[in-house]
Amino acid sequence: MTMPRYGASVDLNQKPIMDALKAIGCEVWPIGRPCDLLVGFRKHNFLIECKREGVKPRKDQQDQQDWIRDWPGQVRVCSTAEEAIRLVTRAYE
């Protein structure tokens, strides 16, 4: 089975999100597809899709949107570094 190819462009907020997660001790892997980031933090895994607020998805991203909707596990869409940090640290509140 071949994974569908998604848009190859990287959202401008991906690097700041990655940097912020690394700064709090996360292991961050930019995987690109089927979502942007694989993040490990304190024995938990997170799949994160980086999307800029207010930017409409391109038509070629429909497969990715469908995958996010249908994935049986947890996938989160984050627009800011603060949002990503809240996501990974919320498991410990």
N, C-alpha and C. Protein backbone atom coordinates (compact mmCIF):
# COMPACT_ATOMS: atom_id res chain seq x y z
N MET A 1 0.85 -1.18 0.00
CA MET A 1 0.00 0.00 0.00
C MET A 1 0.89 1.24 0.00
N THR A 2 0.62 2.15 -0.88
CA THR A 2 1.39 3.38 -0.99
C THR A 2 0.66 4.52 -0.30
N MET A 3 1.41 5.29 0.48
CA MET A 3 0.81 6.46 1.13
C MET A 3 0.59 7.53 0.07
N PRO A 4 -0.54 8.23 0.11
CA PRO A 4 -0.76 9.31 -0.85
C PRO A 4 0.23 10.44 -0.64
N ARG A 5 0.60 11.10 -1.71
CA ARG A 5 1.54 12.22 -1.64
C ARG A 5 0.74 13.49 -1.38
N TYR A 6 1.19 14.25 -0.40
CA TYR A 6 0.53 15.50 -0.07
C TYR A 6 1.38 16.66 -0.55
N GLY A 7 0.85 17.86 -0.42
CA GLY A 7 1.59 19.05 -0.82
C GLY A 7 2.96 19.09 -0.17
N ALA A 8 3.98 19.41 -0.94
CA ALA A 8 5.34 19.36 -0.45
C ALA A 8 5.77 20.63 0.27
N SER A 9 4.96 21.69 0.21
CA SER A 9 5.36 22.93 0.86
C SER A 9 5.23 22.80 2.37
N VAL A 10 6.08 23.53 3.07
CA VAL A 10 6.09 23.52 4.53
C VAL A 10 5.48 24.83 5.01
N ASP A 11 4.52 24.75 5.92
CA ASP A 11 3.93 25.96 6.47
C ASP A 11 5.00 26.76 7.21
N LEU A 12 4.90 28.07 7.10
CA LEU A 12 5.90 28.96 7.70
C LEU A 12 5.99 28.83 9.22
N ASN A 13 4.93 28.33 9.85
CA ASN A 13 4.95 28.22 11.30
C ASN A 13 5.55 26.90 11.78
N GLN A 14 5.92 26.00 10.88
CA GLN A 14 6.43 24.70 11.30
C GLN A 14 7.74 24.80 12.07
N LYS A 15 8.69 25.59 11.59
CA LYS A 15 9.98 25.70 12.29
C LYS A 15 9.83 26.30 13.69
N PRO A 16 9.08 27.40 13.85
CA PRO A 16 8.90 27.91 15.23
C PRO A 16 8.21 26.90 16.15
N ILE A 17 7.28 26.13 15.62
CA ILE A 17 6.62 25.10 16.43
C ILE A 17 7.64 24.04 16.83
N MET A 18 8.43 23.58 15.86
CA MET A 18 9.45 22.58 16.16
C MET A 18 10.44 23.09 17.19
N ASP A 19 10.92 24.31 17.01
CA ASP A 19 11.91 24.89 17.93
C ASP A 19 11.36 24.99 19.35
N ALA A 20 10.10 25.42 19.47
CA ALA A 20 9.49 25.56 20.80
C ALA A 20 9.33 24.20 21.47
N LEU A 21 8.92 23.20 20.71
CA LEU A 21 8.76 21.86 21.28
C LEU A 21 10.11 21.29 21.73
N LYS A 22 11.13 21.48 20.91
CA LYS A 22 12.47 21.01 21.29
C LYS A 22 12.96 21.72 22.55
N ALA A 23 12.62 23.01 22.68
CA ALA A 23 13.07 23.79 23.83
C ALA A 23 12.51 23.27 25.15
N ILE A 24 11.36 22.61 25.12
CA ILE A 24 10.79 22.06 26.36
C ILE A 24 11.14 20.58 26.53
N GLY A 25 11.98 20.05 25.65
CA GLY A 25 12.46 18.68 25.82
C GLY A 25 11.81 17.63 24.94
N CYS A 26 11.05 18.04 23.95
CA CYS A 26 10.42 17.08 23.04
C CYS A 26 11.42 16.57 22.01
N GLU A 27 11.23 15.36 21.59
CA GLU A 27 11.91 14.83 20.41
C GLU A 27 10.96 15.11 19.25
N VAL A 28 11.46 15.77 18.20
CA VAL A 28 10.60 16.20 17.10
C VAL A 28 11.16 15.70 15.78
N TRP A 29 10.33 14.99 15.03
CA TRP A 29 10.72 14.51 13.71
C TRP A 29 9.78 15.10 12.67
N PRO A 30 10.31 15.86 11.72
CA PRO A 30 9.46 16.34 10.62
C PRO A 30 9.27 15.20 9.62
N ILE A 31 8.07 14.66 9.57
CA ILE A 31 7.84 13.50 8.71
C ILE A 31 7.16 13.88 7.40
N GLY A 32 6.54 15.06 7.37
CA GLY A 32 5.98 15.56 6.11
C GLY A 32 4.68 14.92 5.67
N ARG A 33 4.57 13.64 5.78
CA ARG A 33 3.33 12.97 5.44
C ARG A 33 3.21 11.71 6.27
N PRO A 34 2.11 11.30 6.66
CA PRO A 34 0.82 11.88 6.31
C PRO A 34 0.50 13.16 7.07
N CYS A 35 1.34 13.52 8.06
CA CYS A 35 1.19 14.80 8.73
C CYS A 35 2.58 15.38 8.92
N ASP A 36 2.69 16.58 9.47
CA ASP A 36 3.96 17.29 9.50
C ASP A 36 4.96 16.77 10.53
N LEU A 37 4.51 16.54 11.76
CA LEU A 37 5.46 16.26 12.84
C LEU A 37 5.07 15.02 13.65
N LEU A 38 6.08 14.25 13.99
CA LEU A 38 5.96 13.18 14.97
C LEU A 38 6.72 13.68 16.20
N VAL A 39 6.02 13.76 17.32
CA VAL A 39 6.60 14.35 18.54
C VAL A 39 6.51 13.34 19.67
N GLY A 40 7.61 13.18 20.38
CA GLY A 40 7.64 12.34 21.57
C GLY A 40 7.96 13.19 22.78
N PHE A 41 7.18 13.00 23.85
CA PHE A 41 7.40 13.78 25.07
C PHE A 41 6.92 12.96 26.26
N ARG A 42 7.85 12.65 27.16
CA ARG A 42 7.54 11.93 28.40
C ARG A 42 6.71 10.66 28.14
N LYS A 43 7.21 9.85 27.23
CA LYS A 43 6.62 8.54 26.91
C LYS A 43 5.29 8.62 26.17
N HIS A 44 4.93 9.79 25.64
CA HIS A 44 3.72 9.95 24.83
C HIS A 44 4.12 10.35 23.42
N ASN A 45 3.33 9.93 22.46
CA ASN A 45 3.55 10.29 21.06
C ASN A 45 2.42 11.20 20.58
N PHE A 46 2.77 12.12 19.72
CA PHE A 46 1.80 13.06 19.17
C PHE A 46 2.03 13.20 17.67
N LEU A 47 0.96 13.20 16.92
CA LEU A 47 1.00 13.52 15.49
C LEU A 47 0.46 14.93 15.36
N ILE A 48 1.26 15.82 14.78
CA ILE A 48 0.86 17.22 14.68
C ILE A 48 0.92 17.68 13.23
N GLU A 49 -0.14 18.30 12.79
CA GLU A 49 -0.19 18.96 11.49
C GLU A 49 -0.10 20.45 11.74
N CYS A 50 0.87 21.11 11.13
CA CYS A 50 1.04 22.55 11.29
C CYS A 50 0.25 23.27 10.21
N LYS A 51 -0.66 24.12 10.63
CA LYS A 51 -1.45 24.93 9.69
C LYS A 51 -1.45 26.36 10.17
N ARG A 52 -1.29 27.27 9.24
CA ARG A 52 -1.36 28.69 9.61
C ARG A 52 -2.82 29.10 9.74
N GLU A 53 -3.10 29.89 10.76
CA GLU A 53 -4.46 30.39 10.98
C GLU A 53 -4.90 31.26 9.82
N GLY A 54 -6.14 31.12 9.42
CA GLY A 54 -6.71 31.97 8.40
C GLY A 54 -6.31 31.63 6.98
N VAL A 55 -5.50 30.59 6.79
CA VAL A 55 -5.09 30.20 5.45
C VAL A 55 -5.94 29.01 5.02
N LYS A 56 -6.66 29.18 3.93
CA LYS A 56 -7.51 28.10 3.44
C LYS A 56 -6.66 26.96 2.87
N PRO A 57 -7.05 25.72 3.15
CA PRO A 57 -6.31 24.60 2.57
C PRO A 57 -6.41 24.61 1.05
N ARG A 58 -5.32 24.21 0.41
CA ARG A 58 -5.32 24.09 -1.04
C ARG A 58 -6.13 22.86 -1.44
N LYS A 59 -6.61 22.85 -2.66
CA LYS A 59 -7.40 21.71 -3.14
C LYS A 59 -6.62 20.42 -3.10
N ASP A 60 -5.30 20.50 -3.32
CA ASP A 60 -4.50 19.27 -3.32
C ASP A 60 -4.26 18.72 -1.91
N GLN A 61 -4.78 19.39 -0.89
CA GLN A 61 -4.64 18.91 0.48
C GLN A 61 -5.86 18.13 0.96
N GLN A 62 -6.80 17.88 0.09
CA GLN A 62 -8.02 17.17 0.49
C GLN A 62 -7.71 15.77 1.02
N ASP A 63 -6.77 15.05 0.37
CA ASP A 63 -6.41 13.72 0.86
C ASP A 63 -5.88 13.79 2.29
N GLN A 64 -5.09 14.81 2.57
CA GLN A 64 -4.55 14.98 3.90
C GLN A 64 -5.66 15.29 4.91
N GLN A 65 -6.58 16.15 4.55
CA GLN A 65 -7.70 16.46 5.44
C GLN A 65 -8.53 15.21 5.72
N ASP A 66 -8.74 14.40 4.69
CA ASP A 66 -9.48 13.15 4.86
C ASP A 66 -8.74 12.20 5.80
N TRP A 67 -7.41 12.13 5.64
CA TRP A 67 -6.62 11.25 6.50
C TRP A 67 -6.72 11.70 7.96
N ILE A 68 -6.59 13.00 8.19
CA ILE A 68 -6.69 13.51 9.56
C ILE A 68 -8.06 13.19 10.15
N ARG A 69 -9.10 13.37 9.38
CA ARG A 69 -10.46 13.09 9.85
C ARG A 69 -10.66 11.61 10.15
N ASP A 70 -10.09 10.73 9.33
CA ASP A 70 -10.37 9.30 9.43
C ASP A 70 -9.37 8.51 10.27
N TRP A 71 -8.24 9.10 10.63
CA TRP A 71 -7.24 8.38 11.40
C TRP A 71 -7.82 7.95 12.74
N PRO A 72 -7.70 6.66 13.11
CA PRO A 72 -8.32 6.18 14.35
C PRO A 72 -7.60 6.63 15.62
N GLY A 73 -6.42 7.19 15.48
CA GLY A 73 -5.69 7.69 16.64
C GLY A 73 -5.79 9.20 16.73
N GLN A 74 -4.91 9.77 17.52
CA GLN A 74 -4.94 11.21 17.78
C GLN A 74 -4.06 11.95 16.78
N VAL A 75 -4.63 12.92 16.09
CA VAL A 75 -3.90 13.85 15.23
C VAL A 75 -4.41 15.23 15.59
N ARG A 76 -3.51 16.16 15.84
CA ARG A 76 -3.93 17.52 16.18
C ARG A 76 -3.37 18.49 15.17
N VAL A 77 -4.15 19.51 14.89
CA VAL A 77 -3.72 20.60 14.03
C VAL A 77 -3.33 21.76 14.94
N CYS A 78 -2.11 22.26 14.79
CA CYS A 78 -1.62 23.37 15.61
C CYS A 78 -1.21 24.52 14.71
N SER A 79 -1.56 25.72 15.13
CA SER A 79 -1.23 26.93 14.37
C SER A 79 -0.08 27.71 14.98
N THR A 80 0.14 27.53 16.28
CA THR A 80 1.17 28.29 16.97
C THR A 80 2.01 27.38 17.85
N ALA A 81 3.18 27.88 18.23
CA ALA A 81 4.04 27.13 19.15
C ALA A 81 3.35 26.94 20.50
N GLU A 82 2.65 27.97 20.95
CA GLU A 82 1.96 27.88 22.24
C GLU A 82 0.90 26.78 22.23
N GLU A 83 0.19 26.68 21.12
CA GLU A 83 -0.84 25.65 20.98
C GLU A 83 -0.20 24.25 21.03
N ALA A 84 0.92 24.07 20.36
CA ALA A 84 1.61 22.78 20.35
C ALA A 84 2.13 22.43 21.75
N ILE A 85 2.67 23.41 22.45
CA ILE A 85 3.16 23.17 23.81
C ILE A 85 2.01 22.78 24.73
N ARG A 86 0.88 23.47 24.62
CA ARG A 86 -0.30 23.10 25.43
C ARG A 86 -0.71 21.67 25.13
N LEU A 87 -0.67 21.28 23.87
CA LEU A 87 -1.07 19.92 23.50
C LEU A 87 -0.21 18.88 24.19
N VAL A 88 1.11 19.02 24.09
CA VAL A 88 1.97 17.97 24.64
C VAL A 88 2.06 18.00 26.16
N THR A 89 1.88 19.17 26.77
CA THR A 89 1.96 19.24 28.23
C THR A 89 0.64 18.96 28.92
N ARG A 90 -0.46 19.05 28.19
CA ARG A 90 -1.79 18.84 28.77
C ARG A 90 -1.94 17.42 29.32
N ALA A 91 -1.22 16.47 28.77
CA ALA A 91 -1.30 15.09 29.25
C ALA A 91 -0.84 14.95 30.69
N TYR A 92 -0.21 15.97 31.25
CA TYR A 92 0.36 15.88 32.59
C TYR A 92 -0.31 16.80 33.58
N GLU A 93 -1.44 17.38 33.22
CA GLU A 93 -2.15 18.28 34.14
C GLU A 93 -2.95 17.50 35.13
